[in-house]
Protein backbone atom coordinates (compact mmCIF):
# COMPACT_ATOMS: atom_id res chain seq x y z
CA MET A 1 7.12 1.95 12.44
CA ASN A 2 7.17 -1.68 13.42
CA ASP A 3 10.02 -3.56 11.74
CA ASN A 4 8.58 -7.02 12.38
CA TYR A 5 5.10 -7.50 10.97
CA ALA A 6 3.19 -9.66 8.52
CA TYR A 7 1.23 -8.27 5.60
CA PRO A 8 -2.54 -8.57 6.01
CA LEU A 9 -4.11 -11.05 3.59
CA LEU A 10 -7.51 -12.58 2.98
CA GLU A 11 -8.35 -16.27 2.92
CA GLY A 12 -8.68 -17.93 -0.46
CA LEU A 13 -6.33 -15.72 -2.46
CA SER A 14 -4.32 -17.26 -5.28
CA ASP A 15 -0.52 -16.98 -5.32
CA ARG A 16 -0.78 -14.24 -7.96
CA GLU A 17 -3.27 -12.29 -5.85
CA VAL A 18 -1.02 -12.54 -2.79
CA VAL A 19 1.86 -11.16 -4.87
CA VAL A 20 -0.34 -8.23 -5.95
CA LEU A 21 -1.25 -7.39 -2.34
CA VAL A 22 2.32 -7.71 -1.08
CA THR A 23 3.61 -5.57 -3.96
CA PHE A 24 1.07 -2.86 -3.16
CA PHE A 25 1.99 -2.81 0.52
CA GLN A 26 5.68 -2.69 -0.42
CA LYS A 27 5.01 0.41 -2.55
CA VAL A 28 3.36 2.05 0.46
CA GLU A 29 6.44 1.18 2.53
CA GLU A 30 8.70 2.66 -0.14
CA ALA A 31 6.79 5.95 0.00
CA TYR A 32 7.74 6.18 3.69
CA GLU A 33 11.15 4.51 3.74
CA LYS A 34 13.03 5.22 0.51
CA PRO A 35 14.96 8.50 0.39
CA ASP A 36 13.37 9.36 -2.97
CA GLY A 37 10.02 7.73 -2.20
CA VAL A 38 8.21 5.69 -4.83
CA ASP A 39 7.41 6.57 -8.42
CA ARG A 40 3.84 7.85 -8.62
CA GLU A 41 2.96 5.84 -11.73
CA THR A 42 4.40 2.65 -10.24
CA PHE A 43 2.39 3.22 -7.08
CA ASN A 44 -0.81 3.95 -9.01
CA HIS A 45 -0.36 0.77 -11.05
CA ALA A 46 0.11 -1.30 -7.88
CA TYR A 47 -2.93 0.40 -6.33
CA GLN A 48 -5.07 -0.37 -9.39
CA GLN A 49 -4.03 -4.02 -9.27
CA PHE A 50 -4.84 -4.09 -5.53
CA ARG A 51 -8.32 -2.73 -6.32
CA ASP A 52 -8.77 -5.31 -9.09
CA VAL A 53 -7.87 -8.18 -6.72
CA ILE A 54 -9.93 -6.76 -3.83
CA PRO A 55 -12.93 -5.05 -5.49
CA SER A 56 -14.88 -4.71 -2.23
CA LYS A 57 -14.29 -1.27 -0.67
CA MET A 58 -15.01 -2.75 2.75
CA GLU A 59 -12.31 -5.42 2.34
CA GLN A 60 -9.88 -2.82 0.97
CA LYS A 61 -10.43 -0.64 4.04
CA GLN A 62 -10.05 -3.63 6.36
CA LEU A 63 -6.70 -4.56 4.79
CA GLU A 64 -5.52 -0.93 4.85
CA LYS A 65 -6.47 -0.64 8.53
CA GLN A 66 -4.70 -3.89 9.42
CA PHE A 67 -1.62 -2.76 7.50
CA LYS A 68 -1.57 0.57 9.36
CA GLU A 69 -1.97 -1.18 12.72
CA ARG A 70 0.88 -3.57 11.94
CA SER A 71 3.29 -1.24 10.15
CA GLY A 72 2.37 2.25 11.24
CA TYR A 73 2.09 3.29 7.57
CA ASP A 74 -1.13 4.95 6.42
CA VAL A 75 -2.22 3.68 2.99
CA TYR A 76 -4.93 6.35 2.76
CA GLN A 77 -2.41 9.16 3.16
CA VAL A 78 -0.21 7.75 0.39
CA ILE A 79 -3.23 7.42 -1.93
CA LYS A 80 -4.27 10.98 -1.09
CA HIS A 81 -0.72 12.26 -1.71
CA ALA A 82 -0.63 10.43 -5.08
CA LYS A 83 -3.52 12.60 -6.24
CA GLN A 84 -1.61 15.78 -5.36
CA VAL A 85 1.85 15.21 -6.88
CA ASP A 86 3.18 14.52 -10.36
CA LYS A 87 6.41 12.64 -9.64
CA ASN A 88 7.65 10.65 -6.66
CA LEU A 89 5.61 10.03 -3.55
CA LYS A 90 7.65 10.71 -0.46
CA MET A 91 5.88 10.58 2.86
CA ASN A 92 7.31 12.29 5.91
CA GLU A 93 6.85 10.32 9.10
CA ALA A 94 5.33 12.32 11.89
């Protein structure tokens, strides 16, 4: 994990939209960093808001890839894990 990185953003986002993206990326971080992970429902809500702000799958994938390159955290794996568990999402770093 890289401790010093900036969240990936797109040009032209409103302040509210930036907050939605940052919140989503923070939930991904929590799944990796917090001892108990992140609440599944909280994560799913943040993910749904992320998808509402960035409806284009291509742009979503670009942001997820940039986030992984910068942070080392894999958004796709957290989303996949969220479909398999009922409670907290806790990712184990490899």
